[in-house]
Amino acid sequence: MSLEPEDKRPSPARVAIWVVVGGIGVYLLVSGIIGIVSGGS
């Protein structure tokens, strides 16, 4: 269903985008958990 070429490896640009997006997601998740834990009820 994808229009990817026969090479299964993603391009470096796509990897960089996913690393940035993943890093932001992890940061928001961790900061939210820390906020819940430190903020208390």
C-alpha atoms as a PDB file:
ATOM      1  CA  MET A   1       0.000   0.000   0.000  1.00  0.00           C
ATOM      2  CA  SER A   2       3.014   2.247   0.477  1.00  0.00           C
ATOM      3  CA  LEU A   3       4.821   3.900  -2.413  1.00  0.00           C
ATOM      4  CA  GLU A   4       8.251   3.109  -0.999  1.00  0.00           C
ATOM      5  CA  PRO A   5      11.038   1.982  -3.364  1.00  0.00           C
ATOM      6  CA  GLU A   6      12.449  -1.534  -3.121  1.00  0.00           C
ATOM      7  CA  ASP A   7      14.948  -0.331  -0.511  1.00  0.00           C
ATOM      8  CA  LYS A   8      13.301  -1.018   2.842  1.00  0.00           C
ATOM      9  CA  ARG A   9      15.550   1.363   4.799  1.00  0.00           C
ATOM     10  CA  PRO A  10      14.052   4.823   5.406  1.00  0.00           C
ATOM     11  CA  SER A  11      15.915   7.855   4.167  1.00  0.00           C
ATOM     12  CA  PRO A  12      18.190   9.739   6.600  1.00  0.00           C
ATOM     13  CA  ALA A  13      15.844  12.736   6.405  1.00  0.00           C
ATOM     14  CA  ARG A  14      12.890  10.607   7.483  1.00  0.00           C
ATOM     15  CA  VAL A  15      14.934   9.071  10.303  1.00  0.00           C
ATOM     16  CA  ALA A  16      15.917  12.560  11.486  1.00  0.00           C
ATOM     17  CA  ILE A  17      12.281  13.693  11.447  1.00  0.00           C
ATOM     18  CA  TRP A  18      11.195  10.646  13.464  1.00  0.00           C
ATOM     19  CA  VAL A  19      14.032  11.183  15.957  1.00  0.00           C
ATOM     20  CA  VAL A  20      12.972  14.802  16.474  1.00  0.00           C
ATOM     21  CA  VAL A  21       9.269  13.954  16.734  1.00  0.00           C
ATOM     22  CA  GLY A  22      10.026  11.042  19.067  1.00  0.00           C
ATOM     23  CA  GLY A  23      12.271  13.210  21.210  1.00  0.00           C
ATOM     24  CA  ILE A  24       9.571  15.865  21.552  1.00  0.00           C
ATOM     25  CA  GLY A  25       6.994  13.202  22.408  1.00  0.00           C
ATOM     26  CA  VAL A  26       9.236  11.626  25.028  1.00  0.00           C
ATOM     27  CA  TYR A  27      10.000  15.053  26.510  1.00  0.00           C
ATOM     28  CA  LEU A  28       6.313  15.936  26.781  1.00  0.00           C
ATOM     29  CA  LEU A  29       5.493  12.519  28.243  1.00  0.00           C
ATOM     30  CA  VAL A  30       8.295  12.649  30.822  1.00  0.00           C
ATOM     31  CA  SER A  31       7.620  16.274  31.760  1.00  0.00           C
ATOM     32  CA  GLY A  32       3.928  15.460  32.182  1.00  0.00           C
ATOM     33  CA  ILE A  33       4.678  12.489  34.428  1.00  0.00           C
ATOM     34  CA  ILE A  34       7.123  14.562  36.476  1.00  0.00           C
ATOM     35  CA  GLY A  35       4.517  17.309  36.765  1.00  0.00           C
ATOM     36  CA  ILE A  36       1.881  14.846  37.979  1.00  0.00           C
ATOM     37  CA  VAL A  37       4.266  13.243  40.475  1.00  0.00           C
ATOM     38  CA  SER A  38       5.782  16.466  41.811  1.00  0.00           C
ATOM     39  CA  GLY A  39       2.549  18.462  41.637  1.00  0.00           C
ATOM     40  CA  GLY A  40       0.629  15.902  43.633  1.00  0.00           C
ATOM     41  CA  SER A  41      -3.145  15.903  43.819  1.00  0.00           C
END
